[in-house]
Amino acid sequence: MNNDGLQKLKDIGAQKIYEDTHIPVGHIQAILHASFDGLNKIQFIGFISILQREYNIDLSELKNAGTAYYNEKNPVETTTEDGIFIAPKKKKNFTLLYILLTMVALLAALYYTVEYTDEEIKTPPPKQSNIQILSVDTNVSQKKMKTRHSKMQTRHRKLQ
């Protein structure tokens, strides 16, 4: 393994590399000690590329060793026995379904809101109150006055 680039990184230190590259310290230490268990293949290759670019060093031997480790650990099969490539299954997209369901729910809410609002706006028929309007019959009072007057006249006549 080419120890020049790796030794340069060890001399710089994990904390300084973290400050320069923002690669987590635990991942830097795993790379410096060639411990590939704490990383996945994509992270490892990406971090190696960043370190090579940032410090202008050659880590190709470390990269090859790591790639060999990951290929041995999880071999990737991209072809079948017939030599046909297998396309990864597409994840179903339910965005349109969610939009339609949301629109239906909003329309239903709007419909019920309008229906209940219309019922509240309609004026209910006037309630019949228990108050009765009494009309004064002026004729009754005049009749009483006349009868009193006539009674008084008869008395007056009798006295004469």
N, C-alpha and C. Protein backbone atom coordinates (compact mmCIF):
# COMPACT_ATOMS: atom_id res chain seq x y z
N MET A 1 0.84 -1.18 0.00
CA MET A 1 0.00 0.00 0.00
C MET A 1 0.88 1.24 0.00
N ASN A 2 0.40 2.26 -0.68
CA ASN A 2 1.14 3.51 -0.72
C ASN A 2 0.91 4.23 0.60
N ASN A 3 1.94 4.24 1.41
CA ASN A 3 1.81 4.81 2.74
C ASN A 3 2.08 6.31 2.78
N ASP A 4 2.60 6.89 1.68
CA ASP A 4 2.93 8.31 1.70
C ASP A 4 1.69 9.18 1.92
N GLY A 5 0.66 8.97 1.13
CA GLY A 5 -0.57 9.75 1.26
C GLY A 5 -1.27 9.48 2.57
N LEU A 6 -1.34 8.19 2.96
CA LEU A 6 -2.00 7.83 4.21
C LEU A 6 -1.24 8.39 5.40
N GLN A 7 0.12 8.33 5.32
CA GLN A 7 0.94 8.87 6.41
C GLN A 7 0.76 10.38 6.52
N LYS A 8 0.65 11.06 5.41
CA LYS A 8 0.43 12.51 5.42
C LYS A 8 -0.88 12.84 6.13
N LEU A 9 -1.93 12.04 5.86
CA LEU A 9 -3.22 12.27 6.52
C LEU A 9 -3.13 12.00 8.02
N LYS A 10 -2.40 10.97 8.41
CA LYS A 10 -2.23 10.68 9.84
C LYS A 10 -1.48 11.80 10.53
N ASP A 11 -0.48 12.39 9.83
CA ASP A 11 0.27 13.50 10.41
C ASP A 11 -0.61 14.74 10.60
N ILE A 12 -1.52 14.96 9.66
CA ILE A 12 -2.43 16.11 9.76
C ILE A 12 -3.38 15.92 10.94
N GLY A 13 -3.90 14.72 11.12
CA GLY A 13 -4.80 14.43 12.23
C GLY A 13 -6.26 14.49 11.81
N ALA A 14 -7.05 13.68 12.49
CA ALA A 14 -8.47 13.54 12.14
C ALA A 14 -9.23 14.84 12.39
N GLN A 15 -8.92 15.56 13.47
CA GLN A 15 -9.66 16.79 13.79
C GLN A 15 -9.43 17.87 12.73
N LYS A 16 -8.18 18.04 12.30
CA LYS A 16 -7.86 19.04 11.28
C LYS A 16 -8.50 18.67 9.94
N ILE A 17 -8.50 17.37 9.60
CA ILE A 17 -9.14 16.92 8.36
C ILE A 17 -10.64 17.20 8.43
N TYR A 18 -11.23 16.96 9.60
CA TYR A 18 -12.66 17.25 9.78
C TYR A 18 -12.94 18.73 9.55
N GLU A 19 -12.10 19.59 10.11
CA GLU A 19 -12.31 21.03 9.96
C GLU A 19 -12.18 21.47 8.50
N ASP A 20 -11.28 20.83 7.76
CA ASP A 20 -11.08 21.20 6.36
C ASP A 20 -12.15 20.62 5.43
N THR A 21 -12.58 19.39 5.70
CA THR A 21 -13.44 18.68 4.74
C THR A 21 -14.86 18.45 5.23
N HIS A 22 -15.11 18.59 6.52
CA HIS A 22 -16.41 18.32 7.13
C HIS A 22 -16.82 16.85 7.03
N ILE A 23 -15.83 15.98 6.84
CA ILE A 23 -16.09 14.55 6.92
C ILE A 23 -16.09 14.20 8.41
N PRO A 24 -17.08 13.46 8.89
CA PRO A 24 -17.13 13.13 10.32
C PRO A 24 -15.84 12.46 10.81
N VAL A 25 -15.44 12.82 12.04
CA VAL A 25 -14.18 12.34 12.61
C VAL A 25 -14.14 10.82 12.66
N GLY A 26 -15.25 10.18 13.01
CA GLY A 26 -15.28 8.72 13.07
C GLY A 26 -15.00 8.09 11.72
N HIS A 27 -15.50 8.67 10.67
CA HIS A 27 -15.24 8.15 9.32
C HIS A 27 -13.79 8.38 8.90
N ILE A 28 -13.25 9.53 9.27
CA ILE A 28 -11.83 9.80 8.96
C ILE A 28 -10.94 8.79 9.67
N GLN A 29 -11.22 8.52 10.93
CA GLN A 29 -10.42 7.55 11.68
C GLN A 29 -10.54 6.16 11.07
N ALA A 30 -11.72 5.80 10.61
CA ALA A 30 -11.90 4.49 9.96
C ALA A 30 -11.04 4.41 8.70
N ILE A 31 -10.98 5.49 7.92
CA ILE A 31 -10.16 5.49 6.70
C ILE A 31 -8.68 5.44 7.07
N LEU A 32 -8.25 6.21 8.06
CA LEU A 32 -6.84 6.24 8.45
C LEU A 32 -6.35 4.89 8.96
N HIS A 33 -7.23 4.12 9.57
CA HIS A 33 -6.84 2.81 10.12
C HIS A 33 -7.28 1.67 9.20
N ALA A 34 -7.73 2.01 8.01
CA ALA A 34 -8.18 1.03 7.01
C ALA A 34 -9.21 0.07 7.59
N SER A 35 -10.11 0.63 8.38
CA SER A 35 -11.20 -0.14 8.95
C SER A 35 -12.46 0.23 8.16
N PHE A 36 -12.86 -0.66 7.27
CA PHE A 36 -13.95 -0.34 6.35
C PHE A 36 -15.32 -0.71 6.89
N ASP A 37 -15.38 -1.30 8.07
CA ASP A 37 -16.67 -1.75 8.61
C ASP A 37 -17.62 -0.60 8.95
N GLY A 38 -17.09 0.54 9.36
CA GLY A 38 -17.93 1.65 9.78
C GLY A 38 -18.50 2.47 8.64
N LEU A 39 -18.14 2.13 7.40
CA LEU A 39 -18.58 2.90 6.24
C LEU A 39 -19.26 1.99 5.24
N ASN A 40 -20.08 2.57 4.39
CA ASN A 40 -20.56 1.79 3.24
C ASN A 40 -19.70 2.16 2.04
N LYS A 41 -19.85 1.43 0.97
CA LYS A 41 -18.97 1.59 -0.19
C LYS A 41 -19.05 3.00 -0.79
N ILE A 42 -20.23 3.52 -0.90
CA ILE A 42 -20.40 4.85 -1.51
C ILE A 42 -19.75 5.93 -0.66
N GLN A 43 -19.94 5.85 0.66
CA GLN A 43 -19.30 6.83 1.56
C GLN A 43 -17.78 6.72 1.44
N PHE A 44 -17.28 5.50 1.46
CA PHE A 44 -15.83 5.29 1.42
C PHE A 44 -15.23 5.90 0.17
N ILE A 45 -15.79 5.59 -0.99
CA ILE A 45 -15.25 6.10 -2.25
C ILE A 45 -15.37 7.63 -2.31
N GLY A 46 -16.48 8.16 -1.84
CA GLY A 46 -16.67 9.61 -1.82
C GLY A 46 -15.67 10.31 -0.91
N PHE A 47 -15.46 9.76 0.28
CA PHE A 47 -14.51 10.38 1.22
C PHE A 47 -13.09 10.31 0.70
N ILE A 48 -12.74 9.20 0.06
CA ILE A 48 -11.39 9.06 -0.51
C ILE A 48 -11.19 10.12 -1.61
N SER A 49 -12.20 10.30 -2.43
CA SER A 49 -12.11 11.31 -3.51
C SER A 49 -11.94 12.71 -2.93
N ILE A 50 -12.67 13.02 -1.87
CA ILE A 50 -12.56 14.34 -1.23
C ILE A 50 -11.16 14.53 -0.66
N LEU A 51 -10.64 13.52 0.01
CA LEU A 51 -9.30 13.62 0.61
C LEU A 51 -8.22 13.78 -0.47
N GLN A 52 -8.34 13.05 -1.56
CA GLN A 52 -7.37 13.18 -2.64
C GLN A 52 -7.40 14.58 -3.25
N ARG A 53 -8.58 15.11 -3.44
CA ARG A 53 -8.72 16.44 -4.03
C ARG A 53 -8.24 17.53 -3.07
N GLU A 54 -8.61 17.41 -1.80
CA GLU A 54 -8.31 18.46 -0.82
C GLU A 54 -6.81 18.52 -0.50
N TYR A 55 -6.17 17.38 -0.36
CA TYR A 55 -4.77 17.35 0.07
C TYR A 55 -3.80 16.99 -1.05
N ASN A 56 -4.31 16.83 -2.26
CA ASN A 56 -3.48 16.53 -3.43
C ASN A 56 -2.54 15.34 -3.17
N ILE A 57 -3.14 14.25 -2.72
CA ILE A 57 -2.39 13.03 -2.42
C ILE A 57 -2.99 11.88 -3.20
N ASP A 58 -2.22 10.80 -3.31
CA ASP A 58 -2.68 9.62 -4.04
C ASP A 58 -3.08 8.54 -3.03
N LEU A 59 -4.36 8.21 -3.00
CA LEU A 59 -4.86 7.15 -2.12
C LEU A 59 -5.45 6.01 -2.94
N SER A 60 -4.94 5.82 -4.15
CA SER A 60 -5.52 4.81 -5.04
C SER A 60 -5.36 3.40 -4.48
N GLU A 61 -4.24 3.12 -3.81
CA GLU A 61 -4.07 1.77 -3.24
C GLU A 61 -5.07 1.53 -2.12
N LEU A 62 -5.31 2.53 -1.28
CA LEU A 62 -6.30 2.41 -0.21
C LEU A 62 -7.70 2.27 -0.82
N LYS A 63 -7.95 3.02 -1.89
CA LYS A 63 -9.25 2.95 -2.56
C LYS A 63 -9.47 1.56 -3.17
N ASN A 64 -8.44 1.00 -3.79
CA ASN A 64 -8.56 -0.34 -4.37
C ASN A 64 -8.78 -1.39 -3.29
N ALA A 65 -8.08 -1.25 -2.17
CA ALA A 65 -8.24 -2.21 -1.07
C ALA A 65 -9.66 -2.13 -0.50
N GLY A 66 -10.17 -0.92 -0.33
CA GLY A 66 -11.53 -0.74 0.18
C GLY A 66 -12.57 -1.26 -0.79
N THR A 67 -12.40 -0.97 -2.05
CA THR A 67 -13.33 -1.45 -3.07
C THR A 67 -13.35 -2.97 -3.11
N ALA A 68 -12.17 -3.59 -3.02
CA ALA A 68 -12.09 -5.06 -3.00
C ALA A 68 -12.82 -5.61 -1.77
N TYR A 69 -12.65 -4.94 -0.62
CA TYR A 69 -13.33 -5.37 0.61
C TYR A 69 -14.85 -5.32 0.43
N TYR A 70 -15.35 -4.22 -0.10
CA TYR A 70 -16.80 -4.07 -0.27
C TYR A 70 -17.35 -5.02 -1.33
N ASN A 71 -16.60 -5.26 -2.40
CA ASN A 71 -17.04 -6.20 -3.44
C ASN A 71 -17.08 -7.62 -2.89
N GLU A 72 -16.13 -7.95 -2.02
CA GLU A 72 -16.12 -9.28 -1.41
C GLU A 72 -17.25 -9.42 -0.40
N LYS A 73 -17.50 -8.35 0.32
CA LYS A 73 -18.55 -8.37 1.35
C LYS A 73 -19.93 -8.45 0.73
N ASN A 74 -20.22 -7.63 -0.26
CA ASN A 74 -21.53 -7.59 -0.93
C ASN A 74 -21.33 -7.58 -2.43
N PRO A 75 -21.19 -8.75 -3.04
CA PRO A 75 -21.02 -8.76 -4.50
C PRO A 75 -22.30 -8.28 -5.18
N VAL A 76 -22.15 -7.47 -6.18
CA VAL A 76 -23.29 -6.90 -6.91
C VAL A 76 -23.50 -7.71 -8.17
N GLU A 77 -24.70 -8.25 -8.32
CA GLU A 77 -25.05 -8.98 -9.53
C GLU A 77 -25.95 -8.10 -10.37
N THR A 78 -25.45 -7.74 -11.53
CA THR A 78 -26.26 -6.89 -12.41
C THR A 78 -26.77 -7.65 -13.61
N THR A 79 -26.34 -8.89 -13.79
CA THR A 79 -26.82 -9.65 -14.94
C THR A 79 -27.40 -10.97 -14.47
N THR A 80 -28.22 -11.56 -15.31
CA THR A 80 -28.79 -12.87 -15.03
C THR A 80 -27.95 -13.92 -15.75
N GLU A 81 -28.39 -15.15 -15.71
CA GLU A 81 -27.68 -16.23 -16.39
C GLU A 81 -27.65 -16.03 -17.89
N ASP A 82 -28.65 -15.36 -18.43
CA ASP A 82 -28.72 -15.14 -19.86
C ASP A 82 -27.89 -13.94 -20.30
N GLY A 83 -27.33 -13.21 -19.37
CA GLY A 83 -26.56 -12.03 -19.71
C GLY A 83 -27.40 -10.79 -19.88
N ILE A 84 -28.64 -10.85 -19.43
CA ILE A 84 -29.54 -9.70 -19.55
C ILE A 84 -29.42 -8.87 -18.29
N PHE A 85 -29.30 -7.56 -18.46
CA PHE A 85 -29.20 -6.68 -17.30
C PHE A 85 -30.55 -6.58 -16.60
N ILE A 86 -30.50 -6.55 -15.30
CA ILE A 86 -31.72 -6.43 -14.50
C ILE A 86 -31.88 -4.96 -14.11
N ALA A 87 -32.98 -4.40 -14.50
CA ALA A 87 -33.27 -3.01 -14.14
C ALA A 87 -33.84 -2.98 -12.74
N PRO A 88 -33.42 -2.04 -11.93
CA PRO A 88 -34.00 -1.94 -10.59
C PRO A 88 -35.47 -1.61 -10.68
N LYS A 89 -36.23 -2.14 -9.74
CA LYS A 89 -37.67 -1.89 -9.73
C LYS A 89 -37.92 -0.43 -9.40
N LYS A 90 -38.85 0.13 -10.15
CA LYS A 90 -39.20 1.53 -9.90
C LYS A 90 -40.12 1.62 -8.71
N LYS A 91 -39.90 2.63 -7.94
CA LYS A 91 -40.77 2.89 -6.80
C LYS A 91 -42.04 3.55 -7.33
N LYS A 92 -43.17 3.05 -6.90
CA LYS A 92 -44.44 3.61 -7.37
C LYS A 92 -44.60 5.02 -6.84
N ASN A 93 -45.10 5.86 -7.70
CA ASN A 93 -45.30 7.26 -7.35
C ASN A 93 -46.78 7.49 -7.06
N PHE A 94 -47.09 7.81 -5.83
CA PHE A 94 -48.47 8.03 -5.42
C PHE A 94 -48.82 9.50 -5.31
N THR A 95 -47.99 10.37 -5.84
CA THR A 95 -48.22 11.81 -5.71
C THR A 95 -49.56 12.22 -6.32
N LEU A 96 -49.85 11.73 -7.51
CA LEU A 96 -51.11 12.09 -8.17
C LEU A 96 -52.31 11.61 -7.35
N LEU A 97 -52.21 10.42 -6.80
CA LEU A 97 -53.29 9.89 -5.96
C LEU A 97 -53.50 10.78 -4.73
N TYR A 98 -52.41 11.20 -4.09
CA TYR A 98 -52.52 12.06 -2.92
C TYR A 98 -53.15 13.41 -3.28
N ILE A 99 -52.78 13.94 -4.42
CA ILE A 99 -53.35 15.23 -4.85
C ILE A 99 -54.85 15.09 -5.09
N LEU A 100 -55.25 14.00 -5.77
CA LEU A 100 -56.68 13.79 -6.03
C LEU A 100 -57.47 13.60 -4.74
N LEU A 101 -56.94 12.82 -3.82
CA LEU A 101 -57.63 12.62 -2.54
C LEU A 101 -57.76 13.93 -1.77
N THR A 102 -56.73 14.74 -1.80
CA THR A 102 -56.76 16.04 -1.11
C THR A 102 -57.82 16.94 -1.74
N MET A 103 -57.89 16.95 -3.08
CA MET A 103 -58.88 17.78 -3.75
C MET A 103 -60.30 17.32 -3.43
N VAL A 104 -60.54 16.02 -3.40
CA VAL A 104 -61.87 15.50 -3.07
C VAL A 104 -62.24 15.90 -1.64
N ALA A 105 -61.29 15.78 -0.72
CA ALA A 105 -61.56 16.15 0.67
C ALA A 105 -61.87 17.65 0.79
N LEU A 106 -61.12 18.48 0.07
CA LEU A 106 -61.37 19.92 0.13
C LEU A 106 -62.73 20.28 -0.48
N LEU A 107 -63.08 19.63 -1.59
CA LEU A 107 -64.39 19.90 -2.21
C LEU A 107 -65.53 19.46 -1.29
N ALA A 108 -65.37 18.33 -0.63
CA ALA A 108 -66.41 17.88 0.31
C ALA A 108 -66.54 18.86 1.48
N ALA A 109 -65.41 19.32 2.00
CA ALA A 109 -65.44 20.29 3.10
C ALA A 109 -66.10 21.59 2.65
N LEU A 110 -65.78 22.04 1.45
CA LEU A 110 -66.38 23.27 0.92
C LEU A 110 -67.89 23.10 0.74
N TYR A 111 -68.32 21.97 0.22
CA TYR A 111 -69.74 21.71 0.01
C TYR A 111 -70.51 21.77 1.33
N TYR A 112 -70.01 21.06 2.35
CA TYR A 112 -70.71 21.04 3.63
C TYR A 112 -70.67 22.40 4.30
N THR A 113 -69.60 23.14 4.14
CA THR A 113 -69.52 24.48 4.71
C THR A 113 -70.57 25.38 4.08
N VAL A 114 -70.70 25.32 2.77
CA VAL A 114 -71.67 26.16 2.07
C VAL A 114 -73.10 25.76 2.46
N GLU A 115 -73.37 24.48 2.56
CA GLU A 115 -74.71 24.01 2.92
C GLU A 115 -75.10 24.50 4.30
N TYR A 116 -74.23 24.36 5.27
CA TYR A 116 -74.57 24.78 6.63
C TYR A 116 -74.64 26.29 6.74
N THR A 117 -73.84 27.00 5.98
CA THR A 117 -73.88 28.46 6.00
C THR A 117 -75.20 28.94 5.41
N ASP A 118 -75.68 28.33 4.33
CA ASP A 118 -76.95 28.72 3.73
C ASP A 118 -78.11 28.52 4.71
N GLU A 119 -78.08 27.45 5.48
CA GLU A 119 -79.15 27.20 6.44
C GLU A 119 -79.15 28.26 7.54
N GLU A 120 -77.98 28.72 7.93
CA GLU A 120 -77.90 29.74 8.98
C GLU A 120 -78.35 31.09 8.46
N ILE A 121 -78.13 31.37 7.19
CA ILE A 121 -78.48 32.66 6.63
C ILE A 121 -79.98 32.78 6.45
N LYS A 122 -80.65 31.71 6.10
CA LYS A 122 -82.10 31.74 5.92
C LYS A 122 -82.75 32.18 7.23
N THR A 123 -83.69 33.13 7.12
CA THR A 123 -84.34 33.62 8.33
C THR A 123 -85.45 32.66 8.72
N PRO A 124 -85.46 32.28 9.95
CA PRO A 124 -86.51 31.36 10.39
C PRO A 124 -87.84 32.11 10.45
N PRO A 125 -88.95 31.38 10.35
CA PRO A 125 -90.25 32.05 10.42
C PRO A 125 -90.41 32.71 11.80
N PRO A 126 -91.13 33.83 11.84
CA PRO A 126 -91.25 34.52 13.13
C PRO A 126 -91.99 33.64 14.13
N LYS A 127 -91.48 33.65 15.32
CA LYS A 127 -92.09 32.85 16.38
C LYS A 127 -93.34 33.58 16.88
N GLN A 128 -94.34 32.81 17.21
CA GLN A 128 -95.54 33.42 17.76
C GLN A 128 -95.29 33.68 19.24
N SER A 129 -95.53 34.88 19.62
CA SER A 129 -95.29 35.22 21.01
C SER A 129 -96.59 35.06 21.80
N ASN A 130 -96.45 35.00 23.07
CA ASN A 130 -97.59 34.85 23.96
C ASN A 130 -98.24 36.19 24.30
N ILE A 131 -97.72 37.23 23.72
CA ILE A 131 -98.27 38.55 24.00
C ILE A 131 -99.51 38.75 23.12
N GLN A 132 -100.60 39.12 23.79
CA GLN A 132 -101.82 39.39 23.04
C GLN A 132 -102.07 40.88 23.05
N ILE A 133 -102.45 41.35 21.93
CA ILE A 133 -102.72 42.78 21.82
C ILE A 133 -104.19 43.00 22.17
N LEU A 134 -104.37 43.84 23.15
CA LEU A 134 -105.73 44.16 23.58
C LEU A 134 -106.17 45.44 22.90
N SER A 135 -107.31 45.38 22.36
CA SER A 135 -107.83 46.59 21.74
C SER A 135 -108.91 47.15 22.68
N VAL A 136 -108.86 48.39 22.80
CA VAL A 136 -109.81 49.06 23.69
C VAL A 136 -111.06 49.39 22.87
N ASP A 137 -112.13 48.94 23.36
CA ASP A 137 -113.39 49.24 22.67
C ASP A 137 -113.96 50.51 23.32
N THR A 138 -113.87 51.56 22.59
CA THR A 138 -114.35 52.84 23.13
C THR A 138 -115.86 52.83 23.29
N ASN A 139 -116.49 52.04 22.52
CA ASN A 139 -117.94 51.96 22.61
C ASN A 139 -118.36 51.38 23.95
N VAL A 140 -117.61 50.46 24.47
CA VAL A 140 -117.97 49.85 25.75
C VAL A 140 -117.94 50.90 26.85
N SER A 141 -116.88 51.66 26.85
CA SER A 141 -116.81 52.67 27.90
C SER A 141 -117.89 53.74 27.73
N GLN A 142 -118.22 54.06 26.53
CA GLN A 142 -119.28 55.03 26.31
C GLN A 142 -120.64 54.45 26.71
N LYS A 143 -120.82 53.16 26.46
CA LYS A 143 -122.08 52.51 26.85
C LYS A 143 -122.21 52.53 28.36
N LYS A 144 -121.11 52.28 29.04
CA LYS A 144 -121.15 52.29 30.50
C LYS A 144 -121.51 53.69 30.99
N MET A 145 -120.92 54.67 30.33
CA MET A 145 -121.21 56.03 30.73
C MET A 145 -122.68 56.37 30.50
N LYS A 146 -123.20 55.91 29.41
CA LYS A 146 -124.59 56.19 29.10
C LYS A 146 -125.51 55.50 30.10
N THR A 147 -125.17 54.26 30.41
CA THR A 147 -126.02 53.56 31.38
C THR A 147 -125.93 54.23 32.74
N ARG A 148 -124.84 54.69 33.11
CA ARG A 148 -124.71 55.39 34.39
C ARG A 148 -125.50 56.71 34.35
N HIS A 149 -125.34 57.36 33.25
CA HIS A 149 -126.03 58.63 33.11
C HIS A 149 -127.56 58.43 33.15
N SER A 150 -128.00 57.38 32.49
CA SER A 150 -129.44 57.12 32.49
C SER A 150 -129.93 56.71 33.87
N LYS A 151 -129.12 55.95 34.60
CA LYS A 151 -129.51 55.56 35.96
C LYS A 151 -129.59 56.79 36.86
N MET A 152 -128.70 57.67 36.66
CA MET A 152 -128.71 58.87 37.48
C MET A 152 -129.93 59.75 37.17
N GLN A 153 -130.30 59.75 35.93
CA GLN A 153 -131.45 60.53 35.53
C GLN A 153 -132.74 59.96 36.14
N THR A 154 -132.82 58.65 36.14
CA THR A 154 -133.99 58.03 36.73
C THR A 154 -134.03 58.29 38.23
N ARG A 155 -132.99 58.28 38.85
CA ARG A 155 -132.96 58.56 40.30
C ARG A 155 -133.35 60.03 40.53
N HIS A 156 -132.84 60.83 39.71
CA HIS A 156 -133.13 62.23 39.84
C HIS A 156 -134.62 62.50 39.63
N ARG A 157 -135.23 61.81 38.77
CA ARG A 157 -136.64 61.95 38.51
C ARG A 157 -137.46 61.44 39.68
N LYS A 158 -136.98 60.38 40.22
CA LYS A 158 -137.70 59.82 41.36
C LYS A 158 -137.63 60.76 42.52
N LEU A 159 -136.64 61.40 42.66
CA LEU A 159 -136.49 62.33 43.78
C LEU A 159 -137.33 63.60 43.56
N GLN A 160 -137.61 63.92 42.47
CA GLN A 160 -138.37 65.11 42.21
C GLN A 160 -139.77 64.83 42.46
